């Protein structure tokens, strides 16, 4: 099982009325893969991740963040999480260095969604990156922190 790298942004004043706006900021600056064979997959869960998803929709590779947010809008409530499984292009070494798609999950947790800490979450955005070798993702994490963690 590959290791996971987490980036969480905790936002002051975060609530149900602005959670998709903050998630949208992250999606707008995220460097979606240009090499992946499939597009982003949106899932919306209510209460906790053990529940079946309320919505599951795959988008084309060139999907705009606005289309993803619009699909989530009907289901995104304070006790929900919106997750986008997608790819970004990273240099990876497997015999030689090559630019390849790497999977990542981008998530927006509603303020009353049960999380791994045993309670409600006030974290708006979180990125999960699975990889055997962590690549230099510092520039993007700095951009996302600046965009999402300031109102």
C-alpha atoms as a PDB file:
ATOM      1  CA  UNK A   1       0.000   0.000   0.000  1.00  0.00           C
ATOM      2  CA  UNK A   2       1.496   3.356  -0.992  1.00  0.00           C
ATOM      3  CA  UNK A   3       1.997   6.044   1.608  1.00  0.00           C
ATOM      4  CA  UNK A   4      -0.360   9.009   1.758  1.00  0.00           C
ATOM      5  CA  UNK A   5       0.471  12.667   1.847  1.00  0.00           C
ATOM      6  CA  UNK A   6      -2.205  14.967   3.291  1.00  0.00           C
ATOM      7  CA  UNK A   7      -2.684  18.680   2.859  1.00  0.00           C
ATOM      8  CA  UNK A   8      -5.480  20.168   4.987  1.00  0.00           C
ATOM      9  CA  UNK A   9      -6.675  23.758   4.972  1.00  0.00           C
ATOM     10  CA  UNK A  10      -8.551  24.904   8.071  1.00  0.00           C
ATOM     11  CA  UNK A  11     -10.616  27.958   7.233  1.00  0.00           C
ATOM     12  CA  UNK A  12     -11.803  30.630   9.626  1.00  0.00           C
ATOM     13  CA  UNK A  13     -15.520  31.313   9.267  1.00  0.00           C
ATOM     14  CA  UNK A  14     -16.064  28.101   7.288  1.00  0.00           C
ATOM     15  CA  UNK A  15     -19.714  26.973   7.179  1.00  0.00           C
ATOM     16  CA  UNK A  16     -22.309  25.327   4.945  1.00  0.00           C
ATOM     17  CA  UNK A  17     -22.984  28.572   3.063  1.00  0.00           C
ATOM     18  CA  UNK A  18     -19.388  29.038   1.882  1.00  0.00           C
ATOM     19  CA  UNK A  19     -17.925  25.510   1.770  1.00  0.00           C
ATOM     20  CA  UNK A  20     -18.417  25.035  -1.979  1.00  0.00           C
ATOM     21  CA  UNK A  21     -16.944  28.465  -2.679  1.00  0.00           C
ATOM     22  CA  UNK A  22     -13.744  27.443  -0.859  1.00  0.00           C
ATOM     23  CA  UNK A  23     -13.711  24.041  -2.559  1.00  0.00           C
ATOM     24  CA  UNK A  24     -14.172  25.792  -5.897  1.00  0.00           C
ATOM     25  CA  UNK A  25     -11.079  27.931  -5.269  1.00  0.00           C
ATOM     26  CA  UNK A  26      -9.045  24.764  -4.785  1.00  0.00           C
ATOM     27  CA  UNK A  27     -10.455  23.108  -7.907  1.00  0.00           C
ATOM     28  CA  UNK A  28      -9.792  26.225 -10.017  1.00  0.00           C
ATOM     29  CA  UNK A  29      -6.071  26.286  -9.244  1.00  0.00           C
ATOM     30  CA  UNK A  30      -5.519  22.530  -9.091  1.00  0.00           C
ATOM     31  CA  UNK A  31      -3.304  21.276 -11.951  1.00  0.00           C
ATOM     32  CA  UNK A  32      -5.554  18.523 -13.359  1.00  0.00           C
ATOM     33  CA  UNK A  33      -3.724  15.923 -15.459  1.00  0.00           C
ATOM     34  CA  UNK A  34      -3.485  16.397 -19.179  1.00  0.00           C
ATOM     35  CA  UNK A  35      -2.187  12.829 -19.580  1.00  0.00           C
ATOM     36  CA  UNK A  36      -4.836  10.839 -17.665  1.00  0.00           C
ATOM     37  CA  UNK A  37      -7.136   8.561 -19.627  1.00  0.00           C
ATOM     38  CA  UNK A  38     -10.193   9.437 -17.577  1.00  0.00           C
ATOM     39  CA  UNK A  39     -11.633  12.576 -16.060  1.00  0.00           C
ATOM     40  CA  UNK A  40     -12.494  13.516 -12.477  1.00  0.00           C
ATOM     41  CA  UNK A  41     -14.971  11.428 -10.475  1.00  0.00           C
ATOM     42  CA  UNK A  42     -17.198  13.305  -8.002  1.00  0.00           C
ATOM     43  CA  UNK A  43     -18.663  11.525  -4.971  1.00  0.00           C
ATOM     44  CA  UNK A  44     -20.819  13.105  -2.270  1.00  0.00           C
ATOM     45  CA  UNK A  45     -21.255  11.297   1.058  1.00  0.00           C
ATOM     46  CA  UNK A  46     -23.600  12.212   3.925  1.00  0.00           C
ATOM     47  CA  UNK A  47     -22.929  11.721   7.657  1.00  0.00           C
ATOM     48  CA  UNK A  48     -19.777   9.542   7.285  1.00  0.00           C
ATOM     49  CA  UNK A  49     -17.760   7.675   4.654  1.00  0.00           C
ATOM     50  CA  UNK A  50     -19.281   4.333   5.720  1.00  0.00           C
ATOM     51  CA  UNK A  51     -22.584   5.432   4.144  1.00  0.00           C
ATOM     52  CA  UNK A  52     -23.257   4.845   0.431  1.00  0.00           C
ATOM     53  CA  UNK A  53     -22.591   7.878  -1.726  1.00  0.00           C
ATOM     54  CA  UNK A  54     -25.502  10.222  -2.473  1.00  0.00           C
ATOM     55  CA  UNK A  55     -24.003  11.113  -5.830  1.00  0.00           C
ATOM     56  CA  UNK A  56     -21.361   9.545  -8.034  1.00  0.00           C
ATOM     57  CA  UNK A  57     -20.612  11.173 -11.377  1.00  0.00           C
ATOM     58  CA  UNK A  58     -17.664  10.967 -13.745  1.00  0.00           C
ATOM     59  CA  UNK A  59     -16.726  14.010 -15.815  1.00  0.00           C
ATOM     60  CA  UNK A  60     -14.780  14.262 -19.064  1.00  0.00           C
ATOM     61  CA  UNK A  61     -11.067  15.020 -18.830  1.00  0.00           C
ATOM     62  CA  UNK A  62     -11.528  18.663 -19.793  1.00  0.00           C
ATOM     63  CA  UNK A  63     -14.336  19.317 -17.285  1.00  0.00           C
ATOM     64  CA  UNK A  64     -14.462  22.782 -15.772  1.00  0.00           C
ATOM     65  CA  UNK A  65     -14.465  23.088 -11.960  1.00  0.00           C
ATOM     66  CA  UNK A  66     -17.780  24.961 -12.208  1.00  0.00           C
ATOM     67  CA  UNK A  67     -19.486  21.884 -13.691  1.00  0.00           C
ATOM     68  CA  UNK A  68     -18.214  19.716 -10.833  1.00  0.00           C
ATOM     69  CA  UNK A  69     -19.404  22.224  -8.221  1.00  0.00           C
ATOM     70  CA  UNK A  70     -22.801  22.584  -9.875  1.00  0.00           C
ATOM     71  CA  UNK A  71     -23.309  18.806  -9.765  1.00  0.00           C
ATOM     72  CA  UNK A  72     -22.395  18.747  -6.055  1.00  0.00           C
ATOM     73  CA  UNK A  73     -24.491  21.790  -5.095  1.00  0.00           C
ATOM     74  CA  UNK A  74     -27.803  19.929  -4.649  1.00  0.00           C
ATOM     75  CA  UNK A  75     -26.272  17.391  -2.257  1.00  0.00           C
ATOM     76  CA  UNK A  76     -23.609  19.421  -0.437  1.00  0.00           C
ATOM     77  CA  UNK A  77     -24.912  20.110   3.071  1.00  0.00           C
ATOM     78  CA  UNK A  78     -23.237  20.710   6.439  1.00  0.00           C
ATOM     79  CA  UNK A  79     -23.122  16.959   7.179  1.00  0.00           C
ATOM     80  CA  UNK A  80     -21.658  15.973   3.781  1.00  0.00           C
ATOM     81  CA  UNK A  81     -18.298  15.640   2.108  1.00  0.00           C
ATOM     82  CA  UNK A  82     -17.633  16.188  -1.588  1.00  0.00           C
ATOM     83  CA  UNK A  83     -14.714  14.202  -2.977  1.00  0.00           C
ATOM     84  CA  UNK A  84     -13.136  14.462  -6.400  1.00  0.00           C
ATOM     85  CA  UNK A  85     -10.943  11.540  -7.410  1.00  0.00           C
ATOM     86  CA  UNK A  86      -8.689  12.689 -10.211  1.00  0.00           C
ATOM     87  CA  UNK A  87      -5.093  12.790 -11.436  1.00  0.00           C
ATOM     88  CA  UNK A  88      -2.279  15.290 -11.694  1.00  0.00           C
ATOM     89  CA  UNK A  89       0.881  14.962 -13.758  1.00  0.00           C
ATOM     90  CA  UNK A  90       4.036  14.342 -11.698  1.00  0.00           C
ATOM     91  CA  UNK A  91       7.534  13.307 -12.595  1.00  0.00           C
ATOM     92  CA  UNK A  92       7.965   9.716 -11.435  1.00  0.00           C
ATOM     93  CA  UNK A  93      10.946   7.422 -11.509  1.00  0.00           C
ATOM     94  CA  UNK A  94      10.483   3.841 -12.659  1.00  0.00           C
ATOM     95  CA  UNK A  95      13.717   2.845 -14.390  1.00  0.00           C
ATOM     96  CA  UNK A  96      13.762   6.382 -15.830  1.00  0.00           C
ATOM     97  CA  UNK A  97      12.111   9.715 -15.084  1.00  0.00           C
ATOM     98  CA  UNK A  98       8.796  10.192 -16.839  1.00  0.00           C
ATOM     99  CA  UNK A  99       5.874  12.608 -16.514  1.00  0.00           C
ATOM    100  CA  UNK A 100       2.860  10.443 -15.616  1.00  0.00           C
ATOM    101  CA  UNK A 101      -0.605  10.850 -14.094  1.00  0.00           C
ATOM    102  CA  UNK A 102      -0.723  10.237 -10.317  1.00  0.00           C
ATOM    103  CA  UNK A 103      -3.998   9.717  -8.478  1.00  0.00           C
ATOM    104  CA  UNK A 104      -5.206  12.242  -5.932  1.00  0.00           C
ATOM    105  CA  UNK A 105      -8.425  12.802  -3.979  1.00  0.00           C
ATOM    106  CA  UNK A 106      -9.565  16.362  -3.339  1.00  0.00           C
ATOM    107  CA  UNK A 107     -12.175  16.661  -0.586  1.00  0.00           C
ATOM    108  CA  UNK A 108     -14.391  19.276   0.981  1.00  0.00           C
ATOM    109  CA  UNK A 109     -15.723  18.293   4.421  1.00  0.00           C
ATOM    110  CA  UNK A 110     -18.895  19.947   5.690  1.00  0.00           C
ATOM    111  CA  UNK A 111     -18.680  21.381   9.226  1.00  0.00           C
ATOM    112  CA  UNK A 112     -20.882  18.591  10.667  1.00  0.00           C
ATOM    113  CA  UNK A 113     -19.417  15.667   8.712  1.00  0.00           C
ATOM    114  CA  UNK A 114     -18.009  12.923  10.971  1.00  0.00           C
ATOM    115  CA  UNK A 115     -14.269  12.666  10.409  1.00  0.00           C
ATOM    116  CA  UNK A 116     -11.297  10.536  11.429  1.00  0.00           C
ATOM    117  CA  UNK A 117     -10.786  12.611  14.576  1.00  0.00           C
ATOM    118  CA  UNK A 118     -14.118  11.386  15.958  1.00  0.00           C
ATOM    119  CA  UNK A 119     -16.049  14.597  15.605  1.00  0.00           C
ATOM    120  CA  UNK A 120     -17.204  17.269  13.263  1.00  0.00           C
ATOM    121  CA  UNK A 121     -14.849  18.872  10.816  1.00  0.00           C
ATOM    122  CA  UNK A 122     -14.134  22.507  10.170  1.00  0.00           C
ATOM    123  CA  UNK A 123     -11.610  21.687   7.465  1.00  0.00           C
ATOM    124  CA  UNK A 124     -12.830  22.752   4.086  1.00  0.00           C
ATOM    125  CA  UNK A 125     -10.310  21.196   1.799  1.00  0.00           C
ATOM    126  CA  UNK A 126      -7.992  18.272   1.947  1.00  0.00           C
ATOM    127  CA  UNK A 127      -5.861  16.600  -0.664  1.00  0.00           C
ATOM    128  CA  UNK A 128      -4.828  12.948  -0.419  1.00  0.00           C
ATOM    129  CA  UNK A 129      -1.934  11.943  -2.627  1.00  0.00           C
ATOM    130  CA  UNK A 130      -0.964   8.276  -2.817  1.00  0.00           C
ATOM    131  CA  UNK A 131       2.504   7.472  -4.035  1.00  0.00           C
ATOM    132  CA  UNK A 132       5.442   5.228  -3.282  1.00  0.00           C
ATOM    133  CA  UNK A 133       7.731   8.182  -3.852  1.00  0.00           C
ATOM    134  CA  UNK A 134       6.665  11.659  -2.826  1.00  0.00           C
ATOM    135  CA  UNK A 135       7.373  14.188  -5.530  1.00  0.00           C
ATOM    136  CA  UNK A 136       7.919  17.912  -5.272  1.00  0.00           C
ATOM    137  CA  UNK A 137       4.375  19.188  -4.805  1.00  0.00           C
ATOM    138  CA  UNK A 138       5.384  22.130  -2.614  1.00  0.00           C
ATOM    139  CA  UNK A 139       4.532  24.852  -5.142  1.00  0.00           C
ATOM    140  CA  UNK A 140       0.961  23.638  -5.534  1.00  0.00           C
ATOM    141  CA  UNK A 141       0.471  23.148  -1.785  1.00  0.00           C
ATOM    142  CA  UNK A 142       1.647  26.739  -1.211  1.00  0.00           C
ATOM    143  CA  UNK A 143      -0.782  28.024  -3.875  1.00  0.00           C
ATOM    144  CA  UNK A 144      -3.701  26.039  -2.474  1.00  0.00           C
ATOM    145  CA  UNK A 145      -2.979  27.173   1.081  1.00  0.00           C
ATOM    146  CA  UNK A 146      -2.866  30.784  -0.043  1.00  0.00           C
ATOM    147  CA  UNK A 147      -6.070  30.540  -2.101  1.00  0.00           C
ATOM    148  CA  UNK A 148      -8.215  28.442   0.238  1.00  0.00           C
ATOM    149  CA  UNK A 149      -6.994  29.428   3.664  1.00  0.00           C
ATOM    150  CA  UNK A 150      -7.588  33.140   3.234  1.00  0.00           C
ATOM    151  CA  UNK A 151     -11.111  34.443   2.972  1.00  0.00           C
END
